[in-house]
Amino acid sequence: MSLLDILVSPAAAQAAGGPAPASPLMSLLPLIILFVVFWFLLLRPQMKKAKEHRELVAKLQKGDEVLTNGGIAGRIEDLGESFVTVEVADKVAIKVQRGAITAVLPKGTLKSA
């Protein structure tokens, strides 16, 4: 009995007949499933929300009462290609980017506030 036999069992050193190699499709299946879950839980809802925001910004009209990203509420006085003039108080107007508009408020919201 040699020193090597004491450290490494002869049975462990023998080549074991392992399972047959898996097909390439089976090895990629977990990655495909992960991508599908990622798509339905993260990407699809985010794209839907972005589409709704683009539609909201495209439908803005003069006189709409809006809310900006910064929480400023006002009435649209002028529409430009990429900027909107919003009246926030009597004779006080600010210019904001169209993308900064987050919501169109129901008519009369600013009068009650």
C-alpha atoms as a PDB file:
ATOM      1  CA  MET A   1       0.000   0.000   0.000  1.00  0.00           C
ATOM      2  CA  SER A   2       1.506   3.277  -1.061  1.00  0.00           C
ATOM      3  CA  LEU A   3       1.118   6.730   0.391  1.00  0.00           C
ATOM      4  CA  LEU A   4      -1.025   7.721  -2.581  1.00  0.00           C
ATOM      5  CA  ASP A   5      -3.504   4.931  -1.838  1.00  0.00           C
ATOM      6  CA  ILE A   6      -3.951   6.293   1.667  1.00  0.00           C
ATOM      7  CA  LEU A   7      -4.593   9.882   0.472  1.00  0.00           C
ATOM      8  CA  VAL A   8      -6.778   9.060  -2.530  1.00  0.00           C
ATOM      9  CA  SER A   9      -9.116   6.148  -2.466  1.00  0.00           C
ATOM     10  CA  PRO A  10      -8.566   3.818  -5.443  1.00  0.00           C
ATOM     11  CA  ALA A  11     -12.332   3.687  -6.011  1.00  0.00           C
ATOM     12  CA  ALA A  12     -12.521   7.481  -6.334  1.00  0.00           C
ATOM     13  CA  ALA A  13      -9.611   7.529  -8.736  1.00  0.00           C
ATOM     14  CA  GLN A  14     -11.301   5.147 -11.158  1.00  0.00           C
ATOM     15  CA  ALA A  15     -13.082   6.685 -14.112  1.00  0.00           C
ATOM     16  CA  ALA A  16     -16.789   6.652 -13.478  1.00  0.00           C
ATOM     17  CA  GLY A  17     -19.266   6.227 -16.281  1.00  0.00           C
ATOM     18  CA  GLY A  18     -21.102   9.559 -16.161  1.00  0.00           C
ATOM     19  CA  PRO A  19     -24.424  10.438 -17.691  1.00  0.00           C
ATOM     20  CA  ALA A  20     -24.632  10.994 -21.403  1.00  0.00           C
ATOM     21  CA  PRO A  21     -23.945  14.575 -22.513  1.00  0.00           C
ATOM     22  CA  ALA A  22     -27.074  16.746 -22.628  1.00  0.00           C
ATOM     23  CA  SER A  23     -28.361  18.091 -25.903  1.00  0.00           C
ATOM     24  CA  PRO A  24     -27.515  21.727 -26.715  1.00  0.00           C
ATOM     25  CA  LEU A  25     -31.173  22.693 -26.457  1.00  0.00           C
ATOM     26  CA  MET A  26     -31.440  21.359 -22.912  1.00  0.00           C
ATOM     27  CA  SER A  27     -28.347  23.290 -21.853  1.00  0.00           C
ATOM     28  CA  LEU A  28     -29.833  26.546 -23.240  1.00  0.00           C
ATOM     29  CA  LEU A  29     -33.327  25.965 -21.849  1.00  0.00           C
ATOM     30  CA  PRO A  30     -32.706  27.685 -18.456  1.00  0.00           C
ATOM     31  CA  LEU A  31     -31.328  30.747 -20.248  1.00  0.00           C
ATOM     32  CA  ILE A  32     -34.350  30.882 -22.558  1.00  0.00           C
ATOM     33  CA  ILE A  33     -36.760  30.568 -19.633  1.00  0.00           C
ATOM     34  CA  LEU A  34     -34.911  33.333 -17.776  1.00  0.00           C
ATOM     35  CA  PHE A  35     -35.187  35.647 -20.793  1.00  0.00           C
ATOM     36  CA  VAL A  36     -38.939  34.981 -21.152  1.00  0.00           C
ATOM     37  CA  VAL A  37     -39.541  35.743 -17.466  1.00  0.00           C
ATOM     38  CA  PHE A  38     -37.383  38.876 -17.749  1.00  0.00           C
ATOM     39  CA  TRP A  39     -39.395  39.991 -20.799  1.00  0.00           C
ATOM     40  CA  PHE A  40     -42.824  39.606 -19.193  1.00  0.00           C
ATOM     41  CA  LEU A  41     -41.894  41.006 -15.769  1.00  0.00           C
ATOM     42  CA  LEU A  42     -39.601  43.907 -16.718  1.00  0.00           C
ATOM     43  CA  LEU A  43     -39.327  44.847 -20.371  1.00  0.00           C
ATOM     44  CA  ARG A  44     -42.939  44.550 -21.536  1.00  0.00           C
ATOM     45  CA  PRO A  45     -44.501  46.703 -18.754  1.00  0.00           C
ATOM     46  CA  GLN A  46     -41.801  49.349 -19.185  1.00  0.00           C
ATOM     47  CA  MET A  47     -42.401  49.563 -22.946  1.00  0.00           C
ATOM     48  CA  LYS A  48     -46.159  49.799 -22.392  1.00  0.00           C
ATOM     49  CA  LYS A  49     -45.727  52.672 -19.928  1.00  0.00           C
ATOM     50  CA  ALA A  50     -43.381  54.513 -22.325  1.00  0.00           C
ATOM     51  CA  LYS A  51     -45.904  54.123 -25.156  1.00  0.00           C
ATOM     52  CA  GLU A  52     -48.708  55.548 -22.994  1.00  0.00           C
ATOM     53  CA  HIS A  53     -46.494  58.543 -22.070  1.00  0.00           C
ATOM     54  CA  ARG A  54     -45.669  59.228 -25.752  1.00  0.00           C
ATOM     55  CA  GLU A  55     -49.389  59.206 -26.562  1.00  0.00           C
ATOM     56  CA  LEU A  56     -50.152  61.545 -23.643  1.00  0.00           C
ATOM     57  CA  VAL A  57     -47.494  64.034 -24.773  1.00  0.00           C
ATOM     58  CA  ALA A  58     -48.682  63.869 -28.393  1.00  0.00           C
ATOM     59  CA  LYS A  59     -52.296  64.664 -27.423  1.00  0.00           C
ATOM     60  CA  LEU A  60     -51.522  67.798 -25.368  1.00  0.00           C
ATOM     61  CA  GLN A  61     -53.696  70.797 -26.254  1.00  0.00           C
ATOM     62  CA  LYS A  62     -53.820  74.431 -25.296  1.00  0.00           C
ATOM     63  CA  GLY A  63     -55.920  74.844 -22.143  1.00  0.00           C
ATOM     64  CA  ASP A  64     -55.153  71.389 -20.702  1.00  0.00           C
ATOM     65  CA  GLU A  65     -54.339  71.322 -17.004  1.00  0.00           C
ATOM     66  CA  VAL A  66     -51.134  69.333 -16.520  1.00  0.00           C
ATOM     67  CA  LEU A  67     -48.724  68.087 -13.877  1.00  0.00           C
ATOM     68  CA  THR A  68     -44.944  68.089 -14.458  1.00  0.00           C
ATOM     69  CA  ASN A  69     -42.215  65.756 -13.189  1.00  0.00           C
ATOM     70  CA  GLY A  70     -41.337  68.319 -10.537  1.00  0.00           C
ATOM     71  CA  GLY A  71     -44.880  68.419  -9.186  1.00  0.00           C
ATOM     72  CA  ILE A  72     -45.784  71.769 -10.725  1.00  0.00           C
ATOM     73  CA  ALA A  73     -49.403  72.017 -11.813  1.00  0.00           C
ATOM     74  CA  GLY A  74     -50.552  74.522 -14.407  1.00  0.00           C
ATOM     75  CA  ARG A  75     -52.521  75.233 -17.550  1.00  0.00           C
ATOM     76  CA  ILE A  76     -50.954  74.963 -21.012  1.00  0.00           C
ATOM     77  CA  GLU A  77     -50.774  78.380 -22.689  1.00  0.00           C
ATOM     78  CA  ASP A  78     -48.605  77.607 -25.720  1.00  0.00           C
ATOM     79  CA  LEU A  79     -47.379  74.461 -27.437  1.00  0.00           C
ATOM     80  CA  GLY A  80     -44.082  74.213 -29.287  1.00  0.00           C
ATOM     81  CA  GLU A  81     -42.287  71.375 -31.004  1.00  0.00           C
ATOM     82  CA  SER A  82     -40.334  70.344 -27.910  1.00  0.00           C
ATOM     83  CA  PHE A  83     -41.374  72.872 -25.235  1.00  0.00           C
ATOM     84  CA  VAL A  84     -44.679  73.778 -23.587  1.00  0.00           C
ATOM     85  CA  THR A  85     -45.482  77.066 -21.854  1.00  0.00           C
ATOM     86  CA  VAL A  86     -47.389  76.373 -18.646  1.00  0.00           C
ATOM     87  CA  GLU A  87     -49.151  79.107 -16.669  1.00  0.00           C
ATOM     88  CA  VAL A  88     -48.680  78.270 -12.972  1.00  0.00           C
ATOM     89  CA  ALA A  89     -50.262  81.435 -11.518  1.00  0.00           C
ATOM     90  CA  ASP A  90     -51.830  84.659 -12.814  1.00  0.00           C
ATOM     91  CA  LYS A  91     -49.373  86.116 -15.340  1.00  0.00           C
ATOM     92  CA  VAL A  92     -46.653  83.639 -14.292  1.00  0.00           C
ATOM     93  CA  ALA A  93     -45.649  81.179 -17.012  1.00  0.00           C
ATOM     94  CA  ILE A  94     -42.804  78.710 -17.254  1.00  0.00           C
ATOM     95  CA  LYS A  95     -41.432  76.702 -20.161  1.00  0.00           C
ATOM     96  CA  VAL A  96     -40.993  72.977 -19.704  1.00  0.00           C
ATOM     97  CA  GLN A  97     -40.051  70.193 -22.059  1.00  0.00           C
ATOM     98  CA  ARG A  98     -42.916  68.151 -23.431  1.00  0.00           C
ATOM     99  CA  GLY A  99     -41.425  65.008 -21.878  1.00  0.00           C
ATOM    100  CA  ALA A 100     -41.615  66.601 -18.422  1.00  0.00           C
ATOM    101  CA  ILE A 101     -45.415  66.482 -18.511  1.00  0.00           C
ATOM    102  CA  THR A 102     -46.448  63.415 -16.512  1.00  0.00           C
ATOM    103  CA  ALA A 103     -50.228  63.726 -16.339  1.00  0.00           C
ATOM    104  CA  VAL A 104     -53.173  65.627 -17.735  1.00  0.00           C
ATOM    105  CA  LEU A 105     -55.451  66.644 -14.887  1.00  0.00           C
ATOM    106  CA  PRO A 106     -59.249  66.704 -15.121  1.00  0.00           C
ATOM    107  CA  LYS A 107     -60.716  70.084 -16.103  1.00  0.00           C
ATOM    108  CA  GLY A 108     -61.299  72.354 -13.113  1.00  0.00           C
ATOM    109  CA  THR A 109     -58.675  70.739 -10.885  1.00  0.00           C
ATOM    110  CA  LEU A 110     -56.648  73.926 -10.565  1.00  0.00           C
ATOM    111  CA  LYS A 111     -59.679  76.057  -9.676  1.00  0.00           C
ATOM    112  CA  SER A 112     -60.463  73.871  -6.673  1.00  0.00           C
ATOM    113  CA  ALA A 113     -56.847  73.889  -5.419  1.00  0.00           C
END
